Amino acid sequence: MVIGYARISTTDQNPALQLDALRAAGCERVFADEGVSGSATKRPALDKALAALQPGDVLIVWRLDRFGRSLSRLVQITKQLGDRDVGFRSLSESIDTTSAPGDFLFHVMGALAEFERSLIVERTRGGMATAKQHGIKLGRKPKLSPNKIEHARRLIDSGESPRHVAKTVGVSTATLYRSIPAAASNRVTLDLFSSPDSWQKTRSTENRHHET
């Protein structure tokens, strides 16, 4: 069976152009995502088209940019189709993986996609190294500032429960658990987080000592 896929973006003035081309190419079924941009990650019609394909079938698109969001993604999907014994054709670029030249072309495109990924990784690592040299901290900004951590530690040392302290400083209990041990300067505070009941046990012990 020959199955067609069309992606009709919001800027397409004449969606019939690619639909008619797919039918003229012999597509028995055509799946179309309408109003979907090229950067969209969710394409329900594409998922249905891929699921409908059986070994020996051929998937046809009007143009490559209607099919993949990037070269690497395009090569990835096409390789998956090949592993399933499914052919792929793009009408505008005259690409046909069911032929030897077309299959060779996609192998070349796969090598280019891998080269592109390597360049991106290299540039990213270089940027991170440069940022570190200039004292720029990478990653997400901590939810608790050093002042808030110190304030939370003092509240806990004074008898407040971790849950109440977390609510006071505006974070989850889990975030407080991760932050306090790193900032604590005494073992008593660290022991507060060893188990859910440890805080109550610790406070009860301290109260008995004060009473005696």
C-alpha atoms as a PDB file:
ATOM      1  CA  MET A   1       0.000   0.000   0.000  1.00  0.00           C
ATOM      2  CA  VAL A   2       1.111   3.547  -0.723  1.00  0.00           C
ATOM      3  CA  ILE A   3       0.364   5.988   2.117  1.00  0.00           C
ATOM      4  CA  GLY A   4       0.763   9.734   1.961  1.00  0.00           C
ATOM      5  CA  TYR A   5       1.465  12.217   4.730  1.00  0.00           C
ATOM      6  CA  ALA A   6       0.881  15.971   4.557  1.00  0.00           C
ATOM      7  CA  ARG A   7       1.631  18.692   7.060  1.00  0.00           C
ATOM      8  CA  ILE A   8      -0.418  21.793   6.477  1.00  0.00           C
ATOM      9  CA  SER A   9       0.962  24.702   8.472  1.00  0.00           C
ATOM     10  CA  THR A  10      -0.943  27.826   9.436  1.00  0.00           C
ATOM     11  CA  THR A  11       0.867  29.808   6.710  1.00  0.00           C
ATOM     12  CA  ASP A  12       0.014  27.461   3.833  1.00  0.00           C
ATOM     13  CA  GLN A  13      -2.138  29.327   1.320  1.00  0.00           C
ATOM     14  CA  ASN A  14      -2.989  26.321  -0.826  1.00  0.00           C
ATOM     15  CA  PRO A  15      -3.125  23.024   1.123  1.00  0.00           C
ATOM     16  CA  ALA A  16      -4.657  21.297  -1.912  1.00  0.00           C
ATOM     17  CA  LEU A  17      -1.288  21.545  -3.661  1.00  0.00           C
ATOM     18  CA  GLN A  18       0.391  18.836  -1.628  1.00  0.00           C
ATOM     19  CA  LEU A  19      -2.791  16.781  -1.155  1.00  0.00           C
ATOM     20  CA  ASP A  20      -3.392  16.613  -4.908  1.00  0.00           C
ATOM     21  CA  ALA A  21       0.269  15.764  -5.511  1.00  0.00           C
ATOM     22  CA  LEU A  22       0.090  12.866  -3.055  1.00  0.00           C
ATOM     23  CA  ARG A  23      -3.042  11.450  -4.648  1.00  0.00           C
ATOM     24  CA  ALA A  24      -1.513  11.845  -8.121  1.00  0.00           C
ATOM     25  CA  ALA A  25       1.486   9.843  -6.885  1.00  0.00           C
ATOM     26  CA  GLY A  26      -0.814   6.930  -6.163  1.00  0.00           C
ATOM     27  CA  CYS A  27      -1.433   7.317  -2.432  1.00  0.00           C
ATOM     28  CA  GLU A  28      -4.339   5.128  -1.386  1.00  0.00           C
ATOM     29  CA  ARG A  29      -4.600   6.793   2.002  1.00  0.00           C
ATOM     30  CA  VAL A  30      -3.513  10.283   3.014  1.00  0.00           C
ATOM     31  CA  PHE A  31      -2.984  11.441   6.593  1.00  0.00           C
ATOM     32  CA  ALA A  32      -2.757  15.186   7.181  1.00  0.00           C
ATOM     33  CA  ASP A  33      -1.834  17.332  10.180  1.00  0.00           C
ATOM     34  CA  GLU A  34      -3.527  20.690   9.732  1.00  0.00           C
ATOM     35  CA  GLY A  35      -2.443  23.925  11.387  1.00  0.00           C
ATOM     36  CA  VAL A  36       0.789  22.344  12.653  1.00  0.00           C
ATOM     37  CA  SER A  37       4.075  24.232  12.476  1.00  0.00           C
ATOM     38  CA  GLY A  38       7.374  22.632  11.560  1.00  0.00           C
ATOM     39  CA  SER A  39       8.622  22.890  15.157  1.00  0.00           C
ATOM     40  CA  ALA A  40       5.633  21.031  16.632  1.00  0.00           C
ATOM     41  CA  THR A  41       6.557  17.862  18.508  1.00  0.00           C
ATOM     42  CA  LYS A  42       3.060  16.359  18.456  1.00  0.00           C
ATOM     43  CA  ARG A  43       1.731  15.257  15.084  1.00  0.00           C
ATOM     44  CA  PRO A  44      -1.260  12.927  15.539  1.00  0.00           C
ATOM     45  CA  ALA A  45      -1.738  12.282  11.815  1.00  0.00           C
ATOM     46  CA  LEU A  46       1.944  11.374  11.366  1.00  0.00           C
ATOM     47  CA  ASP A  47       1.709   8.931  14.252  1.00  0.00           C
ATOM     48  CA  LYS A  48      -1.340   7.318  12.619  1.00  0.00           C
ATOM     49  CA  ALA A  49       0.392   7.131   9.250  1.00  0.00           C
ATOM     50  CA  LEU A  50       3.460   5.459  10.741  1.00  0.00           C
ATOM     51  CA  ALA A  51       1.266   3.009  12.654  1.00  0.00           C
ATOM     52  CA  ALA A  52      -0.693   2.100   9.515  1.00  0.00           C
ATOM     53  CA  LEU A  53       2.406   1.164   7.514  1.00  0.00           C
ATOM     54  CA  GLN A  54       3.113  -2.524   6.950  1.00  0.00           C
ATOM     55  CA  PRO A  55       6.193  -4.278   5.514  1.00  0.00           C
ATOM     56  CA  GLY A  56       6.356  -3.609   1.786  1.00  0.00           C
ATOM     57  CA  ASP A  57       4.397  -0.335   2.021  1.00  0.00           C
ATOM     58  CA  VAL A  58       5.698   3.046   0.896  1.00  0.00           C
ATOM     59  CA  LEU A  59       5.267   6.389   2.676  1.00  0.00           C
ATOM     60  CA  ILE A  60       5.191   9.460   0.433  1.00  0.00           C
ATOM     61  CA  VAL A  61       5.503  13.115   1.370  1.00  0.00           C
ATOM     62  CA  TRP A  62       5.267  16.156  -0.872  1.00  0.00           C
ATOM     63  CA  ARG A  63       8.456  17.732   0.464  1.00  0.00           C
ATOM     64  CA  LEU A  64      11.025  16.777   3.108  1.00  0.00           C
ATOM     65  CA  ASP A  65      10.225  19.738   5.363  1.00  0.00           C
ATOM     66  CA  ARG A  66       6.641  18.455   5.605  1.00  0.00           C
ATOM     67  CA  PHE A  67       7.958  15.290   7.232  1.00  0.00           C
ATOM     68  CA  GLY A  68      10.853  15.974   9.614  1.00  0.00           C
ATOM     69  CA  ARG A  69      11.537  18.842  12.020  1.00  0.00           C
ATOM     70  CA  SER A  70      15.282  18.515  11.429  1.00  0.00           C
ATOM     71  CA  LEU A  71      17.718  16.550   9.303  1.00  0.00           C
ATOM     72  CA  SER A  72      18.611  14.245  12.179  1.00  0.00           C
ATOM     73  CA  ARG A  73      14.938  13.572  12.954  1.00  0.00           C
ATOM     74  CA  LEU A  74      14.213  12.944   9.291  1.00  0.00           C
ATOM     75  CA  VAL A  75      17.032  10.422   9.010  1.00  0.00           C
ATOM     76  CA  GLN A  76      15.962   8.759  12.262  1.00  0.00           C
ATOM     77  CA  ILE A  77      12.381   8.189  11.117  1.00  0.00           C
ATOM     78  CA  THR A  78      13.479   7.039   7.665  1.00  0.00           C
ATOM     79  CA  LYS A  79      15.877   4.517   9.213  1.00  0.00           C
ATOM     80  CA  GLN A  80      13.052   3.193  11.384  1.00  0.00           C
ATOM     81  CA  LEU A  81      10.934   2.785   8.262  1.00  0.00           C
ATOM     82  CA  GLY A  82      13.754   0.915   6.538  1.00  0.00           C
ATOM     83  CA  ASP A  83      14.090  -1.424   9.509  1.00  0.00           C
ATOM     84  CA  ARG A  84      10.381  -2.209   9.085  1.00  0.00           C
ATOM     85  CA  ASP A  85      10.860  -2.849   5.346  1.00  0.00           C
ATOM     86  CA  VAL A  86       8.907   0.308   4.511  1.00  0.00           C
ATOM     87  CA  GLY A  87       9.982   2.570   1.652  1.00  0.00           C
ATOM     88  CA  PHE A  88      10.039   6.369   1.676  1.00  0.00           C
ATOM     89  CA  ARG A  89       9.580   8.875  -1.137  1.00  0.00           C
ATOM     90  CA  SER A  90       9.691  12.656  -1.268  1.00  0.00           C
ATOM     91  CA  LEU A  91       8.129  14.052  -4.425  1.00  0.00           C
ATOM     92  CA  SER A  92       9.769  17.500  -4.573  1.00  0.00           C
ATOM     93  CA  GLU A  93      13.326  16.225  -3.985  1.00  0.00           C
ATOM     94  CA  SER A  94      12.833  13.063  -6.101  1.00  0.00           C
ATOM     95  CA  ILE A  95      14.091  10.902  -3.241  1.00  0.00           C
ATOM     96  CA  ASP A  96      13.100   7.241  -3.234  1.00  0.00           C
ATOM     97  CA  THR A  97      14.664   4.849  -0.716  1.00  0.00           C
ATOM     98  CA  THR A  98      13.242   1.876  -2.603  1.00  0.00           C
ATOM     99  CA  SER A  99      15.888   2.541  -5.269  1.00  0.00           C
ATOM    100  CA  ALA A 100      19.645   2.104  -4.837  1.00  0.00           C
ATOM    101  CA  PRO A 101      20.533   5.785  -5.528  1.00  0.00           C
ATOM    102  CA  GLY A 102      17.829   7.018  -3.173  1.00  0.00           C
ATOM    103  CA  ASP A 103      18.937   4.673  -0.393  1.00  0.00           C
ATOM    104  CA  PHE A 104      22.555   5.785  -0.850  1.00  0.00           C
ATOM    105  CA  LEU A 105      21.505   9.429  -0.637  1.00  0.00           C
ATOM    106  CA  PHE A 106      19.857   8.856   2.702  1.00  0.00           C
ATOM    107  CA  HIS A 107      22.986   7.172   4.023  1.00  0.00           C
ATOM    108  CA  VAL A 108      24.881  10.322   3.090  1.00  0.00           C
ATOM    109  CA  MET A 109      22.223  12.453   4.790  1.00  0.00           C
ATOM    110  CA  GLY A 110      22.569  10.289   7.894  1.00  0.00           C
ATOM    111  CA  ALA A 111      26.321  10.949   7.980  1.00  0.00           C
ATOM    112  CA  LEU A 112      25.676  14.680   7.631  1.00  0.00           C
ATOM    113  CA  ALA A 113      23.147  14.567  10.466  1.00  0.00           C
ATOM    114  CA  GLU A 114      25.695  12.845  12.712  1.00  0.00           C
ATOM    115  CA  PHE A 115      28.273  15.489  11.779  1.00  0.00           C
ATOM    116  CA  GLU A 116      25.748  18.212  12.634  1.00  0.00           C
ATOM    117  CA  ARG A 117      25.113  16.674  16.064  1.00  0.00           C
ATOM    118  CA  SER A 118      28.858  16.483  16.739  1.00  0.00           C
ATOM    119  CA  LEU A 119      29.264  20.168  15.909  1.00  0.00           C
ATOM    120  CA  ILE A 120      26.403  21.122  18.233  1.00  0.00           C
ATOM    121  CA  VAL A 121      27.897  19.094  21.100  1.00  0.00           C
ATOM    122  CA  GLU A 122      31.321  20.618  20.511  1.00  0.00           C
ATOM    123  CA  ARG A 123      29.945  24.164  20.464  1.00  0.00           C
ATOM    124  CA  THR A 124      27.904  23.519  23.599  1.00  0.00           C
ATOM    125  CA  ARG A 125      30.890  22.175  25.524  1.00  0.00           C
ATOM    126  CA  GLY A 126      33.018  25.082  24.343  1.00  0.00           C
ATOM    127  CA  GLY A 127      30.389  27.566  25.499  1.00  0.00           C
ATOM    128  CA  MET A 128      30.140  25.910  28.911  1.00  0.00           C
ATOM    129  CA  ALA A 129      33.907  25.935  29.361  1.00  0.00           C
ATOM    130  CA  THR A 130      34.070  29.628  28.448  1.00  0.00           C
ATOM    131  CA  ALA A 131      31.247  30.452  30.847  1.00  0.00           C
ATOM    132  CA  LYS A 132      33.009  28.658  33.709  1.00  0.00           C
ATOM    133  CA  GLN A 133      36.239  30.540  32.984  1.00  0.00           C
ATOM    134  CA  HIS A 134      34.329  33.802  33.377  1.00  0.00           C
ATOM    135  CA  GLY A 135      32.775  32.672  36.650  1.00  0.00           C
ATOM    136  CA  ILE A 136      29.291  32.155  35.246  1.00  0.00           C
ATOM    137  CA  LYS A 137      27.349  29.501  37.144  1.00  0.00           C
ATOM    138  CA  LEU A 138      25.497  27.037  34.932  1.00  0.00           C
ATOM    139  CA  GLY A 139      22.248  25.243  35.623  1.00  0.00           C
ATOM    140  CA  ARG A 140      19.055  26.297  37.328  1.00  0.00           C
ATOM    141  CA  LYS A 141      19.050  29.024  39.931  1.00  0.00           C
ATOM    142  CA  PRO A 142      18.772  27.582  43.479  1.00  0.00           C
ATOM    143  CA  LYS A 143      15.307  27.918  44.979  1.00  0.00           C
ATOM    144  CA  LEU A 144      16.766  28.813  48.366  1.00  0.00           C
ATOM    145  CA  SER A 145      19.256  31.621  48.820  1.00  0.00           C
ATOM    146  CA  PRO A 146      22.024  31.260  51.444  1.00  0.00           C
ATOM    147  CA  ASN A 147      20.112  33.672  53.697  1.00  0.00           C
ATOM    148  CA  LYS A 148      16.937  31.611  53.475  1.00  0.00           C
ATOM    149  CA  ILE A 149      18.865  28.398  54.141  1.00  0.00           C
ATOM    150  CA  GLU A 150      20.393  29.924  57.253  1.00  0.00           C
ATOM    151  CA  HIS A 151      16.979  31.203  58.347  1.00  0.00           C
ATOM    152  CA  ALA A 152      15.432  27.763  57.823  1.00  0.00           C
ATOM    153  CA  ARG A 153      18.227  26.090  59.791  1.00  0.00           C
ATOM    154  CA  ARG A 154      17.693  28.430  62.717  1.00  0.00           C
ATOM    155  CA  LEU A 155      13.952  27.794  62.704  1.00  0.00           C
ATOM    156  CA  ILE A 156      14.524  24.039  62.783  1.00  0.00           C
ATOM    157  CA  ASP A 157      17.105  24.357  65.565  1.00  0.00           C
ATOM    158  CA  SER A 158      14.578  26.378  67.554  1.00  0.00           C
ATOM    159  CA  GLY A 159      11.998  23.587  67.362  1.00  0.00           C
ATOM    160  CA  GLU A 160      10.008  24.224  64.190  1.00  0.00           C
ATOM    161  CA  SER A 161       9.111  21.147  62.116  1.00  0.00           C
ATOM    162  CA  PRO A 162      10.751  20.824  58.675  1.00  0.00           C
ATOM    163  CA  ARG A 163       7.334  20.821  57.006  1.00  0.00           C
ATOM    164  CA  HIS A 164       6.338  24.095  58.654  1.00  0.00           C
ATOM    165  CA  VAL A 165       9.725  25.648  57.879  1.00  0.00           C
ATOM    166  CA  ALA A 166       9.454  24.615  54.217  1.00  0.00           C
ATOM    167  CA  LYS A 167       6.083  26.342  54.007  1.00  0.00           C
ATOM    168  CA  THR A 168       7.511  29.442  55.673  1.00  0.00           C
ATOM    169  CA  VAL A 169      10.372  29.841  53.197  1.00  0.00           C
ATOM    170  CA  GLY A 170       8.150  28.944  50.235  1.00  0.00           C
ATOM    171  CA  VAL A 171       9.597  25.632  49.043  1.00  0.00           C
ATOM    172  CA  SER A 172       8.651  21.975  49.154  1.00  0.00           C
ATOM    173  CA  THR A 173       9.796  19.776  52.022  1.00  0.00           C
ATOM    174  CA  ALA A 174      11.953  17.771  49.598  1.00  0.00           C
ATOM    175  CA  THR A 175      13.774  20.947  48.513  1.00  0.00           C
ATOM    176  CA  LEU A 176      14.367  21.859  52.135  1.00  0.00           C
ATOM    177  CA  TYR A 177      15.750  18.382  52.827  1.00  0.00           C
ATOM    178  CA  ARG A 178      18.245  18.806  49.965  1.00  0.00           C
ATOM    179  CA  SER A 179      19.300  22.297  51.002  1.00  0.00           C
ATOM    180  CA  ILE A 180      19.662  22.087  54.768  1.00  0.00           C
ATOM    181  CA  PRO A 181      22.220  19.261  55.025  1.00  0.00           C
ATOM    182  CA  ALA A 182      24.484  21.108  52.598  1.00  0.00           C
ATOM    183  CA  ALA A 183      24.313  24.292  54.681  1.00  0.00           C
ATOM    184  CA  ALA A 184      24.070  22.862  58.192  1.00  0.00           C
ATOM    185  CA  SER A 185      27.022  23.384  60.502  1.00  0.00           C
ATOM    186  CA  ASN A 186      26.105  20.878  63.210  1.00  0.00           C
ATOM    187  CA  ARG A 187      25.186  17.212  63.346  1.00  0.00           C
ATOM    188  CA  VAL A 188      21.886  17.810  65.157  1.00  0.00           C
ATOM    189  CA  THR A 189      20.414  19.538  62.120  1.00  0.00           C
ATOM    190  CA  LEU A 190      21.607  16.757  59.827  1.00  0.00           C
ATOM    191  CA  ASP A 191      20.008  14.140  62.063  1.00  0.00           C
ATOM    192  CA  LEU A 192      16.642  15.833  61.624  1.00  0.00           C
ATOM    193  CA  PHE A 193      16.422  14.424  58.111  1.00  0.00           C
ATOM    194  CA  SER A 194      17.571  10.852  58.651  1.00  0.00           C
ATOM    195  CA  SER A 195      13.948   9.565  58.872  1.00  0.00           C
ATOM    196  CA  PRO A 196      10.384  10.947  58.962  1.00  0.00           C
ATOM    197  CA  ASP A 197      10.133  10.425  62.733  1.00  0.00           C
ATOM    198  CA  SER A 198      13.614  11.574  63.650  1.00  0.00           C
ATOM    199  CA  TRP A 199      12.651  15.219  64.071  1.00  0.00           C
ATOM    200  CA  GLN A 200       9.986  14.406  66.662  1.00  0.00           C
ATOM    201  CA  LYS A 201      12.314  11.988  68.485  1.00  0.00           C
ATOM    202  CA  THR A 202      15.119  14.534  68.542  1.00  0.00           C
ATOM    203  CA  ARG A 203      12.899  17.307  69.871  1.00  0.00           C
ATOM    204  CA  SER A 204      11.382  14.994  72.511  1.00  0.00           C
ATOM    205  CA  THR A 205      14.868  14.012  73.716  1.00  0.00           C
ATOM    206  CA  GLU A 206      15.940  17.624  73.931  1.00  0.00           C
ATOM    207  CA  ASN A 207      12.809  18.555  75.902  1.00  0.00           C
ATOM    208  CA  ARG A 208      13.444  15.764  78.442  1.00  0.00           C
ATOM    209  CA  HIS A 209      17.009  16.986  78.926  1.00  0.00           C
ATOM    210  CA  HIS A 210      15.761  20.506  79.565  1.00  0.00           C
ATOM    211  CA  GLU A 211      13.190  19.273  82.130  1.00  0.00           C
ATOM    212  CA  THR A 212      15.830  17.398  84.106  1.00  0.00           C
END
